[in-house]
N, C-alpha and C. Protein backbone atom coordinates (compact mmCIF):
# COMPACT_ATOMS: atom_id res chain seq x y z
N MET A 1 68.07 128.00 137.83
CA MET A 1 68.37 128.73 136.61
C MET A 1 67.32 128.38 135.54
N ILE A 2 67.00 129.39 134.72
CA ILE A 2 66.05 129.18 133.64
C ILE A 2 66.84 128.96 132.35
N VAL A 3 66.53 127.88 131.65
CA VAL A 3 67.25 127.58 130.41
C VAL A 3 66.27 127.31 129.28
N THR A 4 66.73 127.56 128.08
CA THR A 4 65.97 127.28 126.87
C THR A 4 66.79 126.34 125.98
N PHE A 5 66.16 125.31 125.48
CA PHE A 5 66.81 124.37 124.58
C PHE A 5 66.27 124.58 123.17
N ILE A 6 67.16 124.65 122.20
CA ILE A 6 66.77 124.79 120.80
C ILE A 6 67.28 123.56 120.05
N SER A 7 66.38 122.87 119.36
CA SER A 7 66.77 121.69 118.59
C SER A 7 66.74 121.98 117.10
N GLN A 8 67.86 121.73 116.45
CA GLN A 8 67.95 121.84 115.00
C GLN A 8 68.29 120.47 114.41
N CYS A 9 67.76 119.44 115.05
CA CYS A 9 68.06 118.06 114.66
C CYS A 9 67.34 117.69 113.36
N GLY A 10 67.84 116.63 112.76
CA GLY A 10 67.21 116.11 111.56
C GLY A 10 67.04 114.61 111.64
N LYS A 11 66.17 114.10 110.79
CA LYS A 11 65.93 112.65 110.65
C LYS A 11 65.63 111.98 111.99
N LYS A 12 66.29 110.84 112.27
CA LYS A 12 65.97 110.07 113.48
C LYS A 12 66.42 110.75 114.76
N ALA A 13 67.27 111.76 114.64
CA ALA A 13 67.71 112.48 115.83
C ALA A 13 66.59 113.33 116.42
N ILE A 14 65.57 113.65 115.63
CA ILE A 14 64.46 114.49 116.12
C ILE A 14 63.69 113.79 117.24
N PRO A 15 63.15 112.57 117.04
CA PRO A 15 62.41 111.93 118.13
C PRO A 15 63.30 111.58 119.33
N ARG A 16 64.56 111.23 119.09
CA ARG A 16 65.45 110.91 120.21
C ARG A 16 65.65 112.12 121.09
N THR A 17 65.89 113.25 120.46
CA THR A 17 66.10 114.49 121.22
C THR A 17 64.84 114.91 121.96
N ARG A 18 63.70 114.77 121.31
CA ARG A 18 62.44 115.17 121.94
C ARG A 18 62.14 114.33 123.18
N ARG A 19 62.46 113.03 123.12
CA ARG A 19 62.21 112.18 124.29
C ARG A 19 63.02 112.65 125.49
N VAL A 20 64.25 113.03 125.26
CA VAL A 20 65.10 113.49 126.37
C VAL A 20 64.62 114.83 126.91
N LEU A 21 64.41 115.79 126.02
CA LEU A 21 64.05 117.14 126.46
C LEU A 21 62.64 117.19 127.03
N ASP A 22 61.72 116.38 126.51
CA ASP A 22 60.36 116.36 127.05
C ASP A 22 60.34 115.87 128.49
N ALA A 23 61.34 115.08 128.87
CA ALA A 23 61.40 114.54 130.24
C ALA A 23 61.90 115.57 131.24
N PHE A 24 62.54 116.64 130.75
CA PHE A 24 63.14 117.61 131.66
C PHE A 24 62.57 119.02 131.52
N ALA A 25 61.96 119.32 130.38
CA ALA A 25 61.54 120.70 130.15
C ALA A 25 60.18 120.74 129.45
N ASP A 26 59.57 121.92 129.48
CA ASP A 26 58.28 122.13 128.82
C ASP A 26 58.53 122.52 127.36
N ARG A 27 57.82 121.85 126.46
CA ARG A 27 57.99 122.19 125.05
C ARG A 27 57.14 123.42 124.75
N ILE A 28 57.80 124.51 124.36
CA ILE A 28 57.08 125.76 124.11
C ILE A 28 57.02 126.09 122.62
N GLY A 29 57.48 125.18 121.82
CA GLY A 29 57.44 125.31 120.36
C GLY A 29 57.79 123.97 119.75
N ASP A 30 57.72 123.88 118.43
CA ASP A 30 58.02 122.60 117.78
C ASP A 30 59.43 122.10 118.12
N ASN A 31 60.36 123.02 118.22
CA ASN A 31 61.75 122.64 118.46
C ASN A 31 62.37 123.43 119.61
N THR A 32 61.53 123.89 120.54
CA THR A 32 62.01 124.74 121.63
C THR A 32 61.46 124.27 122.96
N TRP A 33 62.32 124.24 123.98
CA TRP A 33 61.94 123.83 125.33
C TRP A 33 62.45 124.86 126.33
N GLN A 34 61.73 124.98 127.44
CA GLN A 34 62.18 125.90 128.49
C GLN A 34 61.81 125.32 129.85
N THR A 35 62.69 125.55 130.83
CA THR A 35 62.43 125.03 132.18
C THR A 35 63.32 125.72 133.20
N VAL A 36 62.92 125.57 134.46
CA VAL A 36 63.79 125.94 135.58
C VAL A 36 64.49 124.66 136.01
N ILE A 37 65.81 124.70 136.12
CA ILE A 37 66.57 123.47 136.35
C ILE A 37 67.83 123.77 137.16
N THR A 38 68.30 122.77 137.88
CA THR A 38 69.54 122.92 138.64
C THR A 38 70.73 122.59 137.73
N GLU A 39 71.94 122.91 138.21
CA GLU A 39 73.14 122.59 137.43
C GLU A 39 73.30 121.08 137.25
N ASP A 40 72.98 120.32 138.29
CA ASP A 40 73.06 118.86 138.19
C ASP A 40 72.07 118.32 137.17
N GLY A 41 70.86 118.89 137.17
CA GLY A 41 69.85 118.47 136.21
C GLY A 41 70.27 118.79 134.79
N LEU A 42 70.87 119.98 134.62
CA LEU A 42 71.32 120.39 133.29
C LEU A 42 72.45 119.48 132.78
N LEU A 43 73.32 119.09 133.71
CA LEU A 43 74.40 118.18 133.36
C LEU A 43 73.84 116.82 132.93
N ALA A 44 72.78 116.39 133.61
CA ALA A 44 72.14 115.11 133.26
C ALA A 44 71.54 115.17 131.86
N VAL A 45 70.91 116.30 131.52
CA VAL A 45 70.34 116.48 130.18
C VAL A 45 71.44 116.38 129.12
N LYS A 46 72.54 117.06 129.38
CA LYS A 46 73.65 117.05 128.42
C LYS A 46 74.20 115.65 128.21
N LYS A 47 74.35 114.89 129.31
CA LYS A 47 74.88 113.53 129.22
C LYS A 47 73.94 112.62 128.43
N LEU A 48 72.64 112.77 128.67
CA LEU A 48 71.67 111.94 127.95
C LEU A 48 71.64 112.26 126.46
N LEU A 49 71.77 113.54 126.13
CA LEU A 49 71.81 113.92 124.72
C LEU A 49 73.05 113.37 124.03
N ARG A 50 74.16 113.38 124.75
CA ARG A 50 75.41 112.88 124.17
C ARG A 50 75.39 111.37 123.94
N LYS A 51 74.59 110.66 124.73
CA LYS A 51 74.53 109.21 124.58
C LYS A 51 73.96 108.79 123.22
N THR A 52 73.07 109.61 122.68
CA THR A 52 72.42 109.27 121.41
C THR A 52 72.82 110.22 120.28
N VAL A 53 73.93 110.95 120.47
CA VAL A 53 74.31 111.96 119.48
C VAL A 53 74.71 111.30 118.15
N THR A 54 74.28 111.90 117.05
CA THR A 54 74.66 111.47 115.70
C THR A 54 75.01 112.72 114.91
N LYS A 55 75.34 112.51 113.64
CA LYS A 55 75.68 113.66 112.79
C LYS A 55 74.46 114.55 112.54
N ASN A 56 73.26 114.03 112.81
CA ASN A 56 72.03 114.81 112.60
C ASN A 56 71.56 115.50 113.87
N THR A 57 72.32 115.34 114.96
CA THR A 57 71.94 115.97 116.24
C THR A 57 72.51 117.38 116.31
N ALA A 58 71.69 118.31 116.76
CA ALA A 58 72.15 119.69 116.97
C ALA A 58 71.22 120.34 117.99
N VAL A 59 71.68 120.45 119.23
CA VAL A 59 70.88 121.02 120.32
C VAL A 59 71.71 122.07 121.05
N SER A 60 71.14 123.25 121.21
CA SER A 60 71.82 124.30 121.96
C SER A 60 71.07 124.57 123.26
N CYS A 61 71.81 125.01 124.26
CA CYS A 61 71.22 125.34 125.56
C CYS A 61 71.57 126.77 125.91
N HIS A 62 70.55 127.59 126.17
CA HIS A 62 70.75 129.00 126.51
C HIS A 62 70.31 129.25 127.95
N TRP A 63 71.13 129.95 128.68
CA TRP A 63 70.82 130.34 130.05
C TRP A 63 70.17 131.72 130.01
N ILE A 64 68.92 131.80 130.46
CA ILE A 64 68.21 133.08 130.49
C ILE A 64 68.63 133.83 131.75
N ARG A 65 69.46 134.86 131.58
CA ARG A 65 70.05 135.56 132.73
C ARG A 65 69.33 136.86 133.07
N GLY A 66 68.35 137.23 132.27
CA GLY A 66 67.60 138.45 132.54
C GLY A 66 66.58 138.66 131.44
N ARG A 67 65.84 139.77 131.52
CA ARG A 67 64.81 140.03 130.52
C ARG A 67 65.40 140.23 129.13
N ARG A 68 66.58 140.80 129.07
CA ARG A 68 67.16 141.13 127.77
C ARG A 68 68.49 140.41 127.51
N ARG A 69 68.78 139.43 128.31
CA ARG A 69 70.09 138.81 128.19
C ARG A 69 70.02 137.30 128.34
N SER A 70 70.65 136.59 127.41
CA SER A 70 70.80 135.14 127.51
C SER A 70 72.23 134.77 127.13
N GLU A 71 72.64 133.60 127.57
CA GLU A 71 74.02 133.16 127.33
C GLU A 71 74.01 131.72 126.83
N LEU A 72 74.73 131.49 125.73
CA LEU A 72 74.85 130.12 125.21
C LEU A 72 75.76 129.32 126.14
N LEU A 73 75.21 128.24 126.70
CA LEU A 73 76.00 127.40 127.60
C LEU A 73 76.74 126.30 126.86
N TRP A 74 76.06 125.59 125.99
CA TRP A 74 76.70 124.52 125.24
C TRP A 74 75.88 124.11 124.02
N VAL A 75 76.52 123.36 123.16
CA VAL A 75 75.87 122.77 121.99
C VAL A 75 76.25 121.29 121.95
N VAL A 76 75.26 120.44 121.78
CA VAL A 76 75.51 119.01 121.61
C VAL A 76 75.23 118.65 120.15
N GLY A 77 76.22 118.04 119.50
CA GLY A 77 76.04 117.66 118.10
C GLY A 77 76.68 118.65 117.15
N ASN A 78 76.03 118.88 116.05
CA ASN A 78 76.57 119.70 114.96
C ASN A 78 76.57 121.18 115.33
N ARG A 79 77.76 121.72 115.59
CA ARG A 79 77.88 123.13 115.96
C ARG A 79 77.64 124.08 114.79
N ASN A 80 77.73 123.55 113.58
CA ASN A 80 77.55 124.40 112.41
C ASN A 80 76.10 124.87 112.24
N LYS A 81 75.18 124.29 113.01
CA LYS A 81 73.78 124.72 112.95
C LYS A 81 73.56 126.03 113.70
N PHE A 82 74.57 126.46 114.47
CA PHE A 82 74.47 127.68 115.27
C PHE A 82 75.74 128.50 115.09
N ASN A 83 75.63 129.81 115.36
CA ASN A 83 76.85 130.60 115.37
C ASN A 83 77.43 130.63 116.79
N GLU A 84 78.40 131.47 117.05
CA GLU A 84 79.07 131.48 118.35
C GLU A 84 78.14 131.90 119.48
N GLN A 85 77.08 132.63 119.16
CA GLN A 85 76.11 133.04 120.18
C GLN A 85 74.91 132.09 120.25
N GLY A 86 74.92 131.06 119.42
CA GLY A 86 73.81 130.11 119.42
C GLY A 86 72.65 130.52 118.55
N ILE A 87 72.86 131.51 117.70
CA ILE A 87 71.79 131.98 116.82
C ILE A 87 71.71 131.08 115.59
N VAL A 88 70.48 130.78 115.19
CA VAL A 88 70.25 129.90 114.04
C VAL A 88 70.13 130.75 112.77
N PRO A 89 70.84 130.41 111.70
CA PRO A 89 70.73 131.20 110.46
C PRO A 89 69.36 131.03 109.82
N VAL A 90 68.84 132.11 109.26
CA VAL A 90 67.54 132.06 108.60
C VAL A 90 67.70 131.86 107.10
N ASN A 91 68.93 132.01 106.62
CA ASN A 91 69.18 131.84 105.19
C ASN A 91 70.66 131.52 104.98
N THR A 92 70.96 130.78 103.95
CA THR A 92 72.35 130.47 103.62
C THR A 92 72.58 130.70 102.14
N THR A 93 73.80 131.01 101.78
CA THR A 93 74.18 131.20 100.39
C THR A 93 75.39 130.33 100.08
N LYS A 94 75.55 130.00 98.83
CA LYS A 94 76.69 129.21 98.39
C LYS A 94 77.43 129.95 97.30
N LYS A 95 78.74 129.75 97.28
CA LYS A 95 79.57 130.37 96.26
C LYS A 95 80.34 129.29 95.53
N SER A 96 80.27 129.32 94.23
CA SER A 96 81.01 128.35 93.43
C SER A 96 82.48 128.73 93.40
N LEU A 97 83.32 127.81 93.84
CA LEU A 97 84.76 128.07 93.87
C LEU A 97 85.48 127.43 92.68
N ALA A 98 84.71 126.92 91.75
CA ALA A 98 85.32 126.28 90.58
C ALA A 98 86.05 127.31 89.74
N GLN A 99 87.28 127.03 89.44
CA GLN A 99 88.09 127.90 88.60
C GLN A 99 88.53 127.09 87.37
N ASN A 100 87.60 126.97 86.44
CA ASN A 100 87.86 126.09 85.29
C ASN A 100 89.06 126.52 84.46
N LYS A 101 89.38 127.81 84.53
CA LYS A 101 90.48 128.30 83.70
C LYS A 101 91.80 127.65 84.07
N TRP A 102 91.99 127.42 85.38
CA TRP A 102 93.27 126.82 85.78
C TRP A 102 93.13 125.43 86.39
N GLU A 103 91.93 125.10 86.92
CA GLU A 103 91.78 123.78 87.52
C GLU A 103 91.83 122.66 86.48
N ASN A 104 91.34 122.94 85.29
CA ASN A 104 91.32 121.91 84.24
C ASN A 104 92.38 122.15 83.18
N ASP A 105 93.44 122.83 83.57
CA ASP A 105 94.49 123.17 82.61
C ASP A 105 95.85 122.66 83.10
N TRP A 106 95.84 121.46 83.66
CA TRP A 106 97.08 120.86 84.17
C TRP A 106 97.77 120.12 83.02
N HIS A 107 98.71 120.77 82.39
CA HIS A 107 99.40 120.16 81.25
C HIS A 107 100.17 118.91 81.66
N TYR A 108 100.65 118.90 82.90
CA TYR A 108 101.49 117.78 83.34
C TYR A 108 100.75 116.79 84.22
N LEU A 109 99.41 116.86 84.25
CA LEU A 109 98.64 115.95 85.10
C LEU A 109 98.88 114.47 84.76
N PRO A 110 98.90 114.07 83.49
CA PRO A 110 99.18 112.65 83.19
C PRO A 110 100.55 112.22 83.72
N LEU A 111 101.54 113.10 83.61
CA LEU A 111 102.88 112.78 84.11
C LEU A 111 102.88 112.67 85.63
N ILE A 112 102.16 113.58 86.30
CA ILE A 112 102.07 113.54 87.76
C ILE A 112 101.39 112.26 88.23
N LYS A 113 100.32 111.87 87.54
CA LYS A 113 99.60 110.63 87.90
C LYS A 113 100.50 109.41 87.73
N ALA A 114 101.27 109.39 86.65
CA ALA A 114 102.19 108.27 86.42
C ALA A 114 103.28 108.25 87.48
N LEU A 115 103.78 109.42 87.83
CA LEU A 115 104.83 109.53 88.86
C LEU A 115 104.33 109.01 90.20
N VAL A 116 103.14 109.42 90.58
CA VAL A 116 102.56 108.98 91.86
C VAL A 116 102.28 107.49 91.84
N ALA A 117 101.80 106.97 90.71
CA ALA A 117 101.48 105.54 90.61
C ALA A 117 102.72 104.68 90.78
N VAL A 118 103.81 105.05 90.11
CA VAL A 118 105.06 104.28 90.22
C VAL A 118 105.63 104.39 91.63
N SER A 119 105.56 105.58 92.21
CA SER A 119 106.06 105.77 93.58
C SER A 119 105.25 104.95 94.57
N ALA A 120 103.93 104.91 94.38
CA ALA A 120 103.07 104.12 95.27
C ALA A 120 103.39 102.64 95.15
N LEU A 121 103.71 102.20 93.93
CA LEU A 121 104.03 100.79 93.70
C LEU A 121 105.31 100.38 94.42
N LEU A 122 106.29 101.27 94.46
CA LEU A 122 107.62 100.91 94.96
C LEU A 122 107.92 101.42 96.37
N HIS A 123 107.04 102.22 96.96
CA HIS A 123 107.42 102.91 98.20
C HIS A 123 107.67 101.95 99.36
N ASP A 124 107.03 100.80 99.39
CA ASP A 124 107.25 99.84 100.48
C ASP A 124 108.02 98.60 100.03
N TRP A 125 108.75 98.72 98.94
CA TRP A 125 109.56 97.63 98.43
C TRP A 125 110.53 97.15 99.52
N GLY A 126 111.04 98.07 100.29
CA GLY A 126 112.01 97.75 101.33
C GLY A 126 111.47 96.91 102.47
N LYS A 127 110.16 96.74 102.53
CA LYS A 127 109.57 95.89 103.58
C LYS A 127 109.69 94.40 103.25
N ALA A 128 110.21 94.09 102.08
CA ALA A 128 110.35 92.69 101.67
C ALA A 128 111.60 92.04 102.26
N THR A 129 112.37 92.75 103.06
CA THR A 129 113.58 92.17 103.66
C THR A 129 113.21 91.11 104.69
N VAL A 130 114.14 90.18 104.91
CA VAL A 130 113.91 89.09 105.87
C VAL A 130 113.67 89.66 107.26
N LEU A 131 114.47 90.65 107.65
CA LEU A 131 114.35 91.23 109.00
C LEU A 131 112.97 91.85 109.21
N PHE A 132 112.50 92.61 108.23
CA PHE A 132 111.20 93.27 108.38
C PHE A 132 110.07 92.25 108.43
N GLN A 133 110.15 91.22 107.60
CA GLN A 133 109.11 90.19 107.59
C GLN A 133 109.10 89.40 108.89
N GLN A 134 110.28 89.14 109.45
CA GLN A 134 110.35 88.45 110.75
C GLN A 134 109.70 89.29 111.84
N LYS A 135 109.90 90.58 111.74
CA LYS A 135 109.30 91.48 112.73
C LYS A 135 107.78 91.46 112.64
N LEU A 136 107.25 91.35 111.44
CA LEU A 136 105.79 91.30 111.26
C LEU A 136 105.21 89.99 111.76
N LEU A 137 105.94 88.89 111.55
CA LEU A 137 105.44 87.57 111.92
C LEU A 137 105.63 87.26 113.40
N SER A 138 106.62 87.88 114.01
CA SER A 138 106.95 87.55 115.40
C SER A 138 105.99 88.22 116.36
N LYS A 139 105.71 87.53 117.47
CA LYS A 139 104.89 88.09 118.55
C LYS A 139 105.77 88.72 119.62
N ASN A 140 107.06 88.73 119.38
CA ASN A 140 108.02 89.29 120.32
C ASN A 140 108.04 90.81 120.19
N ASP A 141 107.82 91.50 121.29
CA ASP A 141 107.79 92.97 121.27
C ASP A 141 109.17 93.58 121.46
N GLN A 142 110.21 92.74 121.48
CA GLN A 142 111.55 93.23 121.77
C GLN A 142 112.25 93.81 120.54
N PHE A 143 111.61 93.71 119.36
CA PHE A 143 112.24 94.25 118.15
C PHE A 143 112.40 95.76 118.27
N LYS A 144 113.58 96.24 117.92
CA LYS A 144 113.83 97.67 117.95
C LYS A 144 113.74 98.21 116.52
N GLY A 145 114.10 99.47 116.37
CA GLY A 145 114.05 100.08 115.05
C GLY A 145 114.97 99.38 114.07
N ASP A 146 114.63 99.44 112.78
CA ASP A 146 115.44 98.79 111.75
C ASP A 146 116.78 99.50 111.60
N PRO A 147 117.84 98.75 111.29
CA PRO A 147 119.15 99.37 111.03
C PRO A 147 119.06 100.38 109.89
N LEU A 148 118.27 100.03 108.86
CA LEU A 148 117.97 100.94 107.76
C LEU A 148 116.47 100.99 107.58
N ARG A 149 115.91 102.20 107.51
CA ARG A 149 114.47 102.33 107.34
C ARG A 149 114.05 101.74 106.00
N HIS A 150 112.84 101.18 105.98
CA HIS A 150 112.39 100.47 104.78
C HIS A 150 112.32 101.36 103.55
N GLU A 151 112.01 102.66 103.73
CA GLU A 151 111.92 103.54 102.57
C GLU A 151 113.29 103.77 101.94
N TRP A 152 114.34 103.73 102.79
CA TRP A 152 115.71 103.89 102.26
C TRP A 152 116.12 102.64 101.48
N ILE A 153 115.73 101.48 101.99
CA ILE A 153 116.01 100.23 101.27
C ILE A 153 115.25 100.22 99.94
N SER A 154 114.03 100.75 99.94
CA SER A 154 113.26 100.86 98.69
C SER A 154 114.02 101.69 97.66
N CYS A 155 114.64 102.77 98.12
CA CYS A 155 115.42 103.63 97.22
C CYS A 155 116.66 102.90 96.72
N MET A 156 117.29 102.12 97.60
CA MET A 156 118.46 101.34 97.19
C MET A 156 118.08 100.32 96.11
N LEU A 157 116.94 99.70 96.27
CA LEU A 157 116.47 98.74 95.27
C LEU A 157 116.13 99.43 93.95
N LEU A 158 115.53 100.62 94.03
CA LEU A 158 115.24 101.38 92.81
C LEU A 158 116.53 101.75 92.10
N ASN A 159 117.51 102.22 92.88
CA ASN A 159 118.80 102.57 92.31
C ASN A 159 119.44 101.36 91.63
N ALA A 160 119.35 100.20 92.30
CA ALA A 160 119.92 98.98 91.73
C ALA A 160 119.19 98.58 90.45
N LEU A 161 117.87 98.80 90.42
CA LEU A 161 117.09 98.49 89.22
C LEU A 161 117.55 99.34 88.05
N VAL A 162 117.77 100.63 88.32
CA VAL A 162 118.25 101.53 87.26
C VAL A 162 119.63 101.10 86.79
N GLN A 163 120.52 100.78 87.75
CA GLN A 163 121.88 100.37 87.39
C GLN A 163 121.86 99.08 86.56
N SER A 164 121.00 98.15 86.95
CA SER A 164 120.96 96.85 86.26
C SER A 164 120.35 96.95 84.86
N SER A 165 119.64 98.06 84.60
CA SER A 165 119.05 98.23 83.27
C SER A 165 120.09 98.54 82.21
N GLY A 166 121.29 98.96 82.66
CA GLY A 166 122.37 99.26 81.73
C GLY A 166 122.34 100.67 81.18
N ASN A 167 121.36 101.48 81.58
CA ASN A 167 121.27 102.86 81.09
C ASN A 167 120.84 103.76 82.23
N THR A 168 121.77 104.52 82.78
CA THR A 168 121.46 105.40 83.91
C THR A 168 121.13 106.82 83.44
N LYS A 169 121.13 107.04 82.14
CA LYS A 169 120.86 108.37 81.60
C LYS A 169 119.39 108.54 81.20
N SER A 170 118.74 107.43 80.89
CA SER A 170 117.35 107.48 80.41
C SER A 170 116.46 106.63 81.30
N ASP A 171 115.21 107.03 81.42
CA ASP A 171 114.24 106.29 82.24
C ASP A 171 113.63 105.11 81.49
N GLU A 172 113.77 105.09 80.19
CA GLU A 172 113.09 104.08 79.39
C GLU A 172 113.52 102.66 79.75
N ALA A 173 114.82 102.46 79.98
CA ALA A 173 115.35 101.11 80.20
C ALA A 173 114.81 100.49 81.48
N TRP A 174 114.88 101.23 82.61
CA TRP A 174 114.42 100.63 83.87
C TRP A 174 112.91 100.52 83.94
N LEU A 175 112.20 101.45 83.29
CA LEU A 175 110.74 101.35 83.25
C LEU A 175 110.30 100.15 82.43
N LYS A 176 111.07 99.82 81.39
CA LYS A 176 110.75 98.64 80.58
C LYS A 176 110.95 97.37 81.41
N LEU A 177 112.03 97.34 82.22
CA LEU A 177 112.24 96.20 83.11
C LEU A 177 111.07 96.04 84.08
N LEU A 178 110.64 97.18 84.61
CA LEU A 178 109.53 97.17 85.58
C LEU A 178 108.23 96.74 84.92
N MET A 179 107.98 97.26 83.75
CA MET A 179 106.73 96.98 83.04
C MET A 179 106.65 95.51 82.62
N ASN A 180 107.77 94.97 82.16
CA ASN A 180 107.79 93.58 81.69
C ASN A 180 108.12 92.58 82.79
N GLN A 181 108.42 93.09 83.99
CA GLN A 181 108.77 92.25 85.13
C GLN A 181 109.92 91.29 84.79
N THR A 182 110.95 91.86 84.18
CA THR A 182 112.08 91.03 83.72
C THR A 182 113.37 91.34 84.47
N TRP A 183 113.28 91.96 85.62
CA TRP A 183 114.51 92.24 86.36
C TRP A 183 115.00 90.97 87.06
N ASP A 184 116.29 90.96 87.34
CA ASP A 184 116.94 89.83 88.01
C ASP A 184 117.13 90.18 89.48
N GLU A 185 116.42 89.50 90.36
CA GLU A 185 116.47 89.82 91.79
C GLU A 185 117.87 89.63 92.36
N GLU A 186 118.56 88.57 91.95
CA GLU A 186 119.92 88.34 92.44
C GLU A 186 120.86 89.45 91.99
N LEU A 187 120.66 89.92 90.77
CA LEU A 187 121.48 91.01 90.26
C LEU A 187 121.24 92.29 91.05
N LEU A 188 119.99 92.52 91.46
CA LEU A 188 119.69 93.70 92.29
C LEU A 188 120.44 93.62 93.61
N LYS A 189 120.43 92.44 94.24
CA LYS A 189 121.13 92.27 95.51
C LYS A 189 122.62 92.50 95.34
N GLN A 190 123.20 91.94 94.28
CA GLN A 190 124.63 92.10 94.03
C GLN A 190 124.99 93.55 93.78
N THR A 191 124.11 94.26 93.08
CA THR A 191 124.36 95.68 92.78
C THR A 191 124.35 96.51 94.05
N ILE A 192 123.43 96.20 94.97
CA ILE A 192 123.36 96.93 96.23
C ILE A 192 124.62 96.69 97.05
N VAL A 193 125.08 95.44 97.10
CA VAL A 193 126.30 95.11 97.85
C VAL A 193 127.52 95.78 97.22
N LYS A 194 127.56 95.78 95.90
CA LYS A 194 128.68 96.37 95.18
C LYS A 194 128.74 97.87 95.39
N ASN A 195 127.60 98.53 95.31
CA ASN A 195 127.53 99.99 95.50
C ASN A 195 127.20 100.29 96.96
N SER A 196 128.16 100.07 97.82
CA SER A 196 127.91 100.18 99.26
C SER A 196 127.84 101.61 99.77
N ASP A 197 128.19 102.59 98.92
CA ASP A 197 128.16 103.99 99.33
C ASP A 197 126.71 104.49 99.30
N GLN A 198 126.07 104.51 100.48
CA GLN A 198 124.65 104.87 100.54
C GLN A 198 124.39 106.34 100.23
N SER A 199 125.42 107.16 100.32
CA SER A 199 125.23 108.59 100.09
C SER A 199 124.90 108.89 98.63
N LYS A 200 125.10 107.91 97.75
CA LYS A 200 124.85 108.13 96.32
C LYS A 200 123.58 107.45 95.83
N VAL A 201 122.78 106.95 96.78
CA VAL A 201 121.56 106.23 96.40
C VAL A 201 120.61 107.12 95.59
N LEU A 202 120.54 108.39 95.94
CA LEU A 202 119.62 109.30 95.24
C LEU A 202 120.28 110.00 94.06
N ASP A 203 121.56 109.70 93.84
CA ASP A 203 122.28 110.30 92.72
C ASP A 203 122.34 109.32 91.55
N GLN A 204 122.93 109.78 90.48
CA GLN A 204 123.17 108.93 89.31
C GLN A 204 121.89 108.25 88.83
N LEU A 205 120.80 108.99 88.90
CA LEU A 205 119.51 108.48 88.44
C LEU A 205 118.96 109.38 87.34
N PRO A 206 118.27 108.82 86.36
CA PRO A 206 117.61 109.65 85.35
C PRO A 206 116.48 110.46 86.00
N PRO A 207 115.98 111.49 85.34
CA PRO A 207 115.04 112.44 85.97
C PRO A 207 113.81 111.81 86.62
N PHE A 208 113.11 110.95 85.90
CA PHE A 208 111.88 110.37 86.45
C PHE A 208 112.19 109.49 87.66
N ALA A 209 113.24 108.69 87.56
CA ALA A 209 113.63 107.81 88.66
C ALA A 209 114.02 108.62 89.89
N GLN A 210 114.65 109.77 89.67
CA GLN A 210 115.06 110.60 90.81
C GLN A 210 113.84 111.18 91.52
N LEU A 211 112.84 111.59 90.76
CA LEU A 211 111.60 112.08 91.38
C LEU A 211 110.91 110.97 92.17
N VAL A 212 110.86 109.77 91.59
CA VAL A 212 110.26 108.62 92.28
C VAL A 212 111.02 108.34 93.57
N ALA A 213 112.35 108.37 93.50
CA ALA A 213 113.18 108.09 94.68
C ALA A 213 112.91 109.08 95.80
N TRP A 214 112.76 110.35 95.46
CA TRP A 214 112.51 111.36 96.50
C TRP A 214 111.12 111.21 97.11
N LEU A 215 110.15 110.84 96.31
CA LEU A 215 108.81 110.58 96.86
C LEU A 215 108.83 109.37 97.78
N ILE A 216 109.60 108.36 97.41
CA ILE A 216 109.69 107.15 98.24
C ILE A 216 110.37 107.46 99.57
N VAL A 217 111.52 108.11 99.51
CA VAL A 217 112.32 108.31 100.72
C VAL A 217 111.67 109.30 101.69
N SER A 218 110.76 110.13 101.18
CA SER A 218 110.14 111.14 102.04
C SER A 218 108.69 110.82 102.38
N HIS A 219 108.22 109.60 102.09
CA HIS A 219 106.78 109.34 102.29
C HIS A 219 106.42 109.19 103.76
N HIS A 220 107.40 109.06 104.65
CA HIS A 220 107.13 109.11 106.09
C HIS A 220 107.68 110.40 106.70
N ARG A 221 108.89 110.74 106.32
CA ARG A 221 109.53 111.96 106.83
C ARG A 221 110.71 112.29 105.93
N LEU A 222 111.15 113.53 106.01
CA LEU A 222 112.30 113.94 105.20
C LEU A 222 113.56 113.31 105.77
N PRO A 223 114.45 112.82 104.91
CA PRO A 223 115.67 112.18 105.40
C PRO A 223 116.67 113.19 105.93
N ASN A 224 117.54 112.73 106.81
CA ASN A 224 118.63 113.56 107.31
C ASN A 224 119.84 113.34 106.41
N LEU A 225 120.03 114.24 105.48
CA LEU A 225 121.13 114.10 104.52
C LEU A 225 122.29 115.01 104.92
């Protein structure tokens, strides 16, 4: 079979590709090779090119099937250098997708950033349990799934923090506890034990705390409620 190789490589991939292709085919242009080769030989070329492939590698192989017909067999490396038929673009254009009218008009962006930051801070709070820490430290693979997923325990702790603040109607009280790091850990534990009804963990929360709780509980998957 007669094949043509086209190289659209860049940087250090250029000499690497040339060394491989020069060993198997005749260079008929700066970046073009042609030869008569068997299927086994062509497979060997492909394997050698793949051994040194980088993000700057882009080599296509065309099977010359007649005077007016060729077929793209494969591409090694960056496929974006060629289209589906293996044709190389002679020109490219870019379009600016910036939409300043609405992209920079997020009135609630500061609130969203604060919401995400607090959720990120508390989302793995539930991993502080003795059981979870033992599982991390142990080399025993016999540990099964947790009785309660850590994200649900994180929500229980958040709920307890809100309850212990003394004000479940406003976010200011529990956020002040969090900001000043003045919460009572024993009180949080007692509150969780006292409020044993887990179905209300996401309820009875002020607006911001409820949004944080939903981000926490769904950061791996949506809960089955």
